N, C-alpha and C. Protein backbone atom coordinates (compact mmCIF):
# COMPACT_ATOMS: atom_id res chain seq x y z
N MET A 1 0.85 -1.17 0.00
CA MET A 1 0.00 0.00 0.00
C MET A 1 0.89 1.24 0.00
N LYS A 2 0.54 2.20 -0.82
CA LYS A 2 1.31 3.44 -0.90
C LYS A 2 0.95 4.37 0.26
N VAL A 3 2.00 4.92 0.88
CA VAL A 3 1.84 5.86 1.99
C VAL A 3 2.61 7.12 1.63
N PHE A 4 1.89 8.23 1.52
CA PHE A 4 2.50 9.52 1.21
C PHE A 4 2.91 10.18 2.53
N ILE A 5 4.20 10.50 2.67
CA ILE A 5 4.70 11.14 3.88
C ILE A 5 5.04 12.58 3.54
N SER A 6 4.26 13.49 4.09
CA SER A 6 4.40 14.92 3.82
C SER A 6 5.29 15.57 4.86
N TRP A 7 6.11 16.51 4.42
CA TRP A 7 7.04 17.19 5.33
C TRP A 7 7.24 18.62 4.85
N SER A 8 7.72 19.46 5.76
CA SER A 8 8.09 20.83 5.43
C SER A 8 9.04 21.32 6.51
N GLY A 9 10.28 21.57 6.13
CA GLY A 9 11.28 22.01 7.09
C GLY A 9 12.22 20.89 7.51
N GLU A 10 13.31 21.27 8.14
CA GLU A 10 14.40 20.33 8.45
C GLU A 10 13.98 19.20 9.41
N LEU A 11 13.41 19.53 10.56
CA LEU A 11 13.02 18.50 11.53
C LEU A 11 11.95 17.58 10.95
N SER A 12 10.96 18.16 10.32
CA SER A 12 9.89 17.40 9.69
C SER A 12 10.46 16.44 8.64
N HIS A 13 11.42 16.91 7.87
CA HIS A 13 12.05 16.07 6.84
C HIS A 13 12.81 14.91 7.47
N LYS A 14 13.52 15.16 8.55
CA LYS A 14 14.26 14.08 9.22
C LYS A 14 13.32 13.00 9.73
N VAL A 15 12.20 13.40 10.30
CA VAL A 15 11.22 12.43 10.78
C VAL A 15 10.61 11.67 9.60
N ALA A 16 10.29 12.38 8.53
CA ALA A 16 9.74 11.74 7.32
C ALA A 16 10.70 10.68 6.79
N MET A 17 11.98 10.97 6.78
CA MET A 17 12.98 10.02 6.31
C MET A 17 13.06 8.79 7.22
N CYS A 18 12.98 9.01 8.52
CA CYS A 18 12.99 7.89 9.46
C CYS A 18 11.76 7.00 9.25
N LEU A 19 10.60 7.62 9.08
CA LEU A 19 9.38 6.85 8.82
C LEU A 19 9.49 6.09 7.50
N ARG A 20 10.02 6.73 6.49
CA ARG A 20 10.19 6.10 5.18
C ARG A 20 11.04 4.84 5.28
N ASP A 21 12.10 4.90 6.06
CA ASP A 21 13.00 3.75 6.20
C ASP A 21 12.44 2.69 7.15
N TRP A 22 11.70 3.11 8.18
CA TRP A 22 11.27 2.19 9.23
C TRP A 22 9.96 1.47 8.91
N LEU A 23 8.97 2.17 8.37
CA LEU A 23 7.64 1.59 8.19
C LEU A 23 7.62 0.27 7.41
N PRO A 24 8.36 0.13 6.30
CA PRO A 24 8.33 -1.15 5.58
C PRO A 24 8.92 -2.32 6.38
N ASN A 25 9.69 -2.02 7.41
CA ASN A 25 10.22 -3.08 8.28
C ASN A 25 9.16 -3.57 9.26
N VAL A 26 8.14 -2.75 9.50
CA VAL A 26 7.09 -3.09 10.44
C VAL A 26 5.88 -3.68 9.72
N VAL A 27 5.49 -3.06 8.62
CA VAL A 27 4.42 -3.57 7.75
C VAL A 27 5.05 -3.69 6.36
N GLN A 28 5.43 -4.90 6.01
CA GLN A 28 6.26 -5.13 4.81
C GLN A 28 5.61 -4.71 3.50
N THR A 29 4.30 -4.60 3.44
CA THR A 29 3.62 -4.26 2.19
C THR A 29 3.50 -2.76 1.96
N LEU A 30 3.98 -1.95 2.90
CA LEU A 30 3.90 -0.50 2.74
C LEU A 30 4.97 -0.01 1.78
N ILE A 31 4.57 0.97 0.96
CA ILE A 31 5.49 1.62 0.02
C ILE A 31 5.46 3.11 0.33
N PRO A 32 6.36 3.56 1.21
CA PRO A 32 6.35 4.98 1.58
C PRO A 32 6.94 5.86 0.48
N TYR A 33 6.44 7.09 0.42
CA TYR A 33 6.89 8.08 -0.56
C TYR A 33 7.24 9.37 0.16
N VAL A 34 8.47 9.81 -0.01
CA VAL A 34 8.93 11.11 0.48
C VAL A 34 9.49 11.85 -0.73
N SER A 35 8.94 12.99 -1.02
CA SER A 35 9.26 13.70 -2.26
C SER A 35 10.76 13.95 -2.46
N SER A 36 11.49 14.25 -1.41
CA SER A 36 12.92 14.56 -1.56
C SER A 36 13.73 13.37 -2.03
N GLU A 37 13.22 12.16 -1.83
CA GLU A 37 13.97 10.94 -2.15
C GLU A 37 13.39 10.15 -3.31
N ASP A 38 12.11 10.27 -3.55
CA ASP A 38 11.44 9.35 -4.45
C ASP A 38 11.03 9.92 -5.80
N ILE A 39 11.48 11.12 -6.10
CA ILE A 39 11.23 11.69 -7.42
C ILE A 39 12.49 11.49 -8.25
N ASP A 40 12.36 10.81 -9.37
CA ASP A 40 13.50 10.56 -10.24
C ASP A 40 14.03 11.86 -10.84
N LYS A 41 15.32 11.92 -11.01
CA LYS A 41 15.95 13.08 -11.65
C LYS A 41 15.38 13.26 -13.05
N GLY A 42 15.15 14.49 -13.42
CA GLY A 42 14.61 14.79 -14.74
C GLY A 42 13.10 14.77 -14.81
N THR A 43 12.46 14.36 -13.71
CA THR A 43 11.00 14.28 -13.67
C THR A 43 10.41 15.62 -13.24
N ARG A 44 9.26 15.96 -13.75
CA ARG A 44 8.55 17.14 -13.28
C ARG A 44 8.02 16.84 -11.88
N TRP A 45 8.58 17.51 -10.89
CA TRP A 45 8.24 17.19 -9.51
C TRP A 45 6.76 17.39 -9.21
N SER A 46 6.14 18.40 -9.81
CA SER A 46 4.74 18.67 -9.51
C SER A 46 3.83 17.54 -10.01
N GLN A 47 4.14 16.99 -11.17
CA GLN A 47 3.35 15.89 -11.70
C GLN A 47 3.57 14.61 -10.90
N ASP A 48 4.81 14.39 -10.48
CA ASP A 48 5.13 13.21 -9.69
C ASP A 48 4.38 13.24 -8.36
N ILE A 49 4.44 14.38 -7.67
CA ILE A 49 3.75 14.51 -6.39
C ILE A 49 2.25 14.36 -6.57
N ALA A 50 1.69 14.98 -7.60
CA ALA A 50 0.25 14.87 -7.86
C ALA A 50 -0.16 13.42 -8.07
N GLY A 51 0.64 12.68 -8.81
CA GLY A 51 0.35 11.26 -9.04
C GLY A 51 0.41 10.45 -7.76
N GLU A 52 1.40 10.71 -6.95
CA GLU A 52 1.53 9.99 -5.68
C GLU A 52 0.39 10.33 -4.73
N LEU A 53 0.00 11.60 -4.69
CA LEU A 53 -1.13 11.99 -3.84
C LEU A 53 -2.40 11.25 -4.26
N ALA A 54 -2.61 11.11 -5.55
CA ALA A 54 -3.80 10.43 -6.07
C ALA A 54 -3.75 8.93 -5.82
N ASP A 55 -2.55 8.33 -5.86
CA ASP A 55 -2.40 6.88 -5.75
C ASP A 55 -2.24 6.37 -4.32
N SER A 56 -1.98 7.25 -3.38
CA SER A 56 -1.72 6.82 -2.01
C SER A 56 -3.01 6.56 -1.26
N PHE A 57 -2.99 5.53 -0.43
CA PHE A 57 -4.16 5.18 0.37
C PHE A 57 -4.06 5.72 1.79
N TYR A 58 -2.90 6.24 2.14
CA TYR A 58 -2.70 6.76 3.49
C TYR A 58 -1.72 7.92 3.41
N GLY A 59 -1.93 8.91 4.23
CA GLY A 59 -1.01 10.04 4.28
C GLY A 59 -0.58 10.31 5.71
N ILE A 60 0.70 10.56 5.89
CA ILE A 60 1.23 10.95 7.19
C ILE A 60 1.83 12.33 7.01
N LEU A 61 1.36 13.29 7.81
CA LEU A 61 1.85 14.66 7.74
C LEU A 61 2.78 14.88 8.93
N CYS A 62 4.04 15.11 8.69
CA CYS A 62 5.00 15.36 9.77
C CYS A 62 4.91 16.82 10.18
N VAL A 63 4.25 17.06 11.32
CA VAL A 63 3.90 18.42 11.74
C VAL A 63 4.76 18.85 12.93
N THR A 64 5.38 20.03 12.79
CA THR A 64 6.17 20.63 13.87
C THR A 64 5.60 22.03 14.15
N ASP A 65 6.13 22.67 15.18
CA ASP A 65 5.65 24.03 15.48
C ASP A 65 6.02 25.02 14.37
N SER A 66 7.08 24.73 13.62
CA SER A 66 7.50 25.66 12.57
C SER A 66 6.78 25.45 11.23
N ASN A 67 6.08 24.32 11.05
CA ASN A 67 5.41 24.10 9.77
C ASN A 67 3.90 23.90 9.91
N ILE A 68 3.39 24.14 11.09
CA ILE A 68 1.98 23.85 11.37
C ILE A 68 1.02 24.57 10.41
N GLU A 69 1.46 25.70 9.87
CA GLU A 69 0.63 26.42 8.91
C GLU A 69 1.27 26.47 7.52
N ALA A 70 2.19 25.58 7.24
CA ALA A 70 2.88 25.57 5.95
C ALA A 70 1.87 25.28 4.82
N PRO A 71 1.88 26.09 3.78
CA PRO A 71 0.91 25.90 2.69
C PRO A 71 0.98 24.53 2.04
N TRP A 72 2.17 24.01 1.77
CA TRP A 72 2.28 22.72 1.09
C TRP A 72 1.77 21.58 1.95
N LEU A 73 2.03 21.64 3.24
CA LEU A 73 1.55 20.61 4.15
C LEU A 73 0.02 20.57 4.14
N ASN A 74 -0.60 21.73 4.22
CA ASN A 74 -2.06 21.80 4.19
C ASN A 74 -2.62 21.41 2.82
N PHE A 75 -1.93 21.80 1.75
CA PHE A 75 -2.35 21.42 0.40
C PHE A 75 -2.35 19.90 0.27
N GLU A 76 -1.25 19.27 0.71
CA GLU A 76 -1.13 17.81 0.59
C GLU A 76 -2.16 17.10 1.46
N ALA A 77 -2.46 17.65 2.63
CA ALA A 77 -3.51 17.06 3.48
C ALA A 77 -4.85 17.08 2.75
N GLY A 78 -5.17 18.20 2.13
CA GLY A 78 -6.42 18.31 1.39
C GLY A 78 -6.46 17.38 0.19
N ALA A 79 -5.35 17.30 -0.54
CA ALA A 79 -5.30 16.43 -1.72
C ALA A 79 -5.42 14.97 -1.32
N LEU A 80 -4.79 14.58 -0.24
CA LEU A 80 -4.89 13.19 0.23
C LEU A 80 -6.31 12.84 0.64
N SER A 81 -6.94 13.72 1.36
CA SER A 81 -8.29 13.41 1.84
C SER A 81 -9.31 13.45 0.71
N LYS A 82 -9.07 14.28 -0.29
CA LYS A 82 -10.00 14.37 -1.42
C LYS A 82 -9.88 13.17 -2.35
N SER A 83 -8.68 12.61 -2.47
CA SER A 83 -8.46 11.54 -3.43
C SER A 83 -8.82 10.16 -2.88
N MET A 84 -9.18 10.06 -1.62
CA MET A 84 -9.50 8.77 -1.02
C MET A 84 -10.98 8.69 -0.67
N ASP A 85 -11.55 7.47 -0.79
CA ASP A 85 -12.95 7.26 -0.41
C ASP A 85 -13.14 7.61 1.06
N SER A 86 -12.29 7.09 1.89
CA SER A 86 -12.32 7.47 3.31
C SER A 86 -10.95 8.05 3.62
N ALA A 87 -10.94 9.23 4.14
CA ALA A 87 -9.69 9.95 4.36
C ALA A 87 -8.83 9.27 5.41
N ASN A 88 -7.69 8.78 5.00
CA ASN A 88 -6.72 8.18 5.90
C ASN A 88 -5.52 9.11 5.94
N VAL A 89 -5.65 10.13 6.75
CA VAL A 89 -4.59 11.13 6.88
C VAL A 89 -4.31 11.28 8.37
N SER A 90 -3.05 11.11 8.73
CA SER A 90 -2.68 11.25 10.13
C SER A 90 -1.61 12.30 10.30
N PRO A 91 -1.94 13.43 10.92
CA PRO A 91 -0.89 14.37 11.30
C PRO A 91 -0.01 13.70 12.36
N PHE A 92 1.28 13.67 12.13
CA PHE A 92 2.25 13.07 13.05
C PHE A 92 2.91 14.23 13.79
N LEU A 93 2.52 14.41 15.05
CA LEU A 93 2.89 15.60 15.80
C LEU A 93 4.26 15.45 16.47
N ILE A 94 5.17 16.32 16.11
CA ILE A 94 6.54 16.29 16.60
C ILE A 94 6.76 17.49 17.51
N ASN A 95 6.88 17.22 18.79
CA ASN A 95 7.11 18.25 19.81
C ASN A 95 6.00 19.30 19.88
N ILE A 96 4.79 18.92 19.51
CA ILE A 96 3.62 19.79 19.68
C ILE A 96 2.46 18.96 20.22
N LYS A 97 1.44 19.64 20.71
CA LYS A 97 0.26 18.97 21.27
C LYS A 97 -0.89 19.04 20.27
N ARG A 98 -1.85 18.16 20.46
CA ARG A 98 -3.05 18.19 19.61
C ARG A 98 -3.74 19.55 19.67
N ALA A 99 -3.71 20.17 20.84
CA ALA A 99 -4.36 21.48 21.01
C ALA A 99 -3.71 22.56 20.16
N ASP A 100 -2.48 22.33 19.69
CA ASP A 100 -1.76 23.31 18.87
C ASP A 100 -2.21 23.28 17.41
N LEU A 101 -2.89 22.22 16.99
CA LEU A 101 -3.31 22.11 15.59
C LEU A 101 -4.32 23.18 15.23
N LYS A 102 -4.21 23.64 13.97
CA LYS A 102 -5.10 24.65 13.44
C LYS A 102 -5.46 24.28 12.00
N GLY A 103 -6.48 24.90 11.50
CA GLY A 103 -6.81 24.77 10.09
C GLY A 103 -7.28 23.39 9.68
N PRO A 104 -7.11 23.06 8.41
CA PRO A 104 -7.66 21.83 7.85
C PRO A 104 -7.15 20.54 8.50
N ILE A 105 -5.90 20.53 8.95
CA ILE A 105 -5.38 19.27 9.50
C ILE A 105 -5.97 18.94 10.87
N LEU A 106 -6.66 19.87 11.46
CA LEU A 106 -7.29 19.65 12.76
C LEU A 106 -8.36 18.56 12.67
N GLN A 107 -8.96 18.38 11.50
CA GLN A 107 -10.07 17.43 11.36
C GLN A 107 -9.63 15.96 11.38
N PHE A 108 -8.33 15.69 11.25
CA PHE A 108 -7.84 14.32 11.17
C PHE A 108 -7.34 13.82 12.53
N GLN A 109 -7.55 12.54 12.78
CA GLN A 109 -7.07 11.90 14.01
C GLN A 109 -5.55 11.91 13.96
N SER A 110 -4.93 12.55 14.92
CA SER A 110 -3.47 12.74 14.87
C SER A 110 -2.73 11.68 15.68
N THR A 111 -1.43 11.62 15.46
CA THR A 111 -0.52 10.73 16.16
C THR A 111 0.51 11.57 16.89
N ILE A 112 0.65 11.32 18.18
CA ILE A 112 1.67 12.01 18.97
C ILE A 112 2.95 11.19 18.92
N PHE A 113 4.09 11.85 18.94
CA PHE A 113 5.39 11.20 18.86
C PHE A 113 5.72 10.51 20.19
N GLU A 114 4.93 9.47 20.49
CA GLU A 114 5.10 8.65 21.69
C GLU A 114 4.90 7.19 21.30
N LYS A 115 5.57 6.30 22.00
CA LYS A 115 5.58 4.88 21.66
C LYS A 115 4.17 4.30 21.45
N GLU A 116 3.27 4.49 22.40
CA GLU A 116 1.94 3.89 22.32
C GLU A 116 1.13 4.46 21.15
N ASP A 117 1.24 5.75 20.91
CA ASP A 117 0.49 6.35 19.80
C ASP A 117 1.08 5.92 18.45
N ILE A 118 2.38 5.76 18.37
CA ILE A 118 3.00 5.27 17.14
C ILE A 118 2.56 3.83 16.87
N ARG A 119 2.43 3.02 17.93
CA ARG A 119 1.92 1.65 17.77
C ARG A 119 0.50 1.69 17.19
N LYS A 120 -0.32 2.61 17.68
CA LYS A 120 -1.69 2.74 17.15
C LYS A 120 -1.67 3.14 15.67
N LEU A 121 -0.75 4.02 15.29
CA LEU A 121 -0.62 4.42 13.89
C LEU A 121 -0.26 3.22 13.03
N VAL A 122 0.70 2.41 13.49
CA VAL A 122 1.10 1.23 12.73
C VAL A 122 -0.07 0.25 12.60
N CYS A 123 -0.83 0.07 13.66
CA CYS A 123 -2.02 -0.80 13.59
C CYS A 123 -3.03 -0.26 12.58
N SER A 124 -3.21 1.05 12.56
CA SER A 124 -4.12 1.67 11.61
C SER A 124 -3.63 1.48 10.17
N LEU A 125 -2.34 1.67 9.95
CA LEU A 125 -1.76 1.43 8.63
C LEU A 125 -1.98 -0.02 8.20
N ASN A 126 -1.77 -0.95 9.11
CA ASN A 126 -1.94 -2.36 8.81
C ASN A 126 -3.39 -2.69 8.48
N ARG A 127 -4.34 -2.15 9.24
CA ARG A 127 -5.77 -2.37 8.96
C ARG A 127 -6.15 -1.80 7.59
N THR A 128 -5.67 -0.61 7.31
CA THR A 128 -5.98 0.02 6.02
C THR A 128 -5.39 -0.80 4.88
N ASP A 129 -4.17 -1.28 5.07
CA ASP A 129 -3.52 -2.12 4.05
C ASP A 129 -4.33 -3.38 3.79
N LYS A 130 -4.78 -4.03 4.84
CA LYS A 130 -5.58 -5.25 4.67
C LYS A 130 -6.90 -4.95 3.98
N ARG A 131 -7.54 -3.84 4.38
CA ARG A 131 -8.82 -3.45 3.77
C ARG A 131 -8.63 -3.16 2.28
N GLU A 132 -7.57 -2.44 1.94
CA GLU A 132 -7.33 -2.08 0.53
C GLU A 132 -6.96 -3.31 -0.30
N SER A 133 -6.23 -4.25 0.29
CA SER A 133 -5.87 -5.45 -0.46
C SER A 133 -7.11 -6.31 -0.75
N VAL A 134 -8.06 -6.33 0.17
CA VAL A 134 -9.32 -7.07 -0.04
C VAL A 134 -10.13 -6.40 -1.15
N ARG A 135 -10.14 -5.05 -1.16
CA ARG A 135 -10.88 -4.31 -2.18
C ARG A 135 -10.15 -4.28 -3.52
N GLY A 136 -8.94 -4.77 -3.56
CA GLY A 136 -8.19 -4.79 -4.80
C GLY A 136 -7.46 -3.50 -5.09
N GLY A 137 -7.34 -2.64 -4.11
CA GLY A 137 -6.68 -1.35 -4.31
C GLY A 137 -5.23 -1.33 -3.93
N LYS A 138 -4.67 -2.50 -3.65
CA LYS A 138 -3.29 -2.57 -3.20
C LYS A 138 -2.33 -2.19 -4.32
N ALA A 139 -1.34 -1.42 -3.96
CA ALA A 139 -0.31 -1.01 -4.94
C ALA A 139 0.55 -2.21 -5.28
N PRO A 140 1.09 -2.27 -6.50
CA PRO A 140 1.93 -3.42 -6.91
C PRO A 140 3.18 -3.50 -6.09
């Protein structure tokens, strides 16, 4: 299952990279996408990102205090939720509280950067993967 990992800024990018490397070790069928690493050289980045947003069944937004209102992060949250039958978008909160969320990303069930909440995120990813594979929506 394709998982779009959205980031904006240095700390957010570092967390996105860690998730990109770690998630397939926990749920082997996940195919994470981080724009800084997964766009081939010579490719139009805007078309690549648009395609991934449309094809992903789950989105993780790496949210920090410095990017909480970043336009691209909010754009990607909206695109992910619009392109899916049921919006599977999880703001991944890094050094911020749920009460700090504002704007469109406030509507999504968030994940706090704590062991138990990360376990719940992985369980949610696994359930979504199983559901999508039954429906035939699993990525190759």
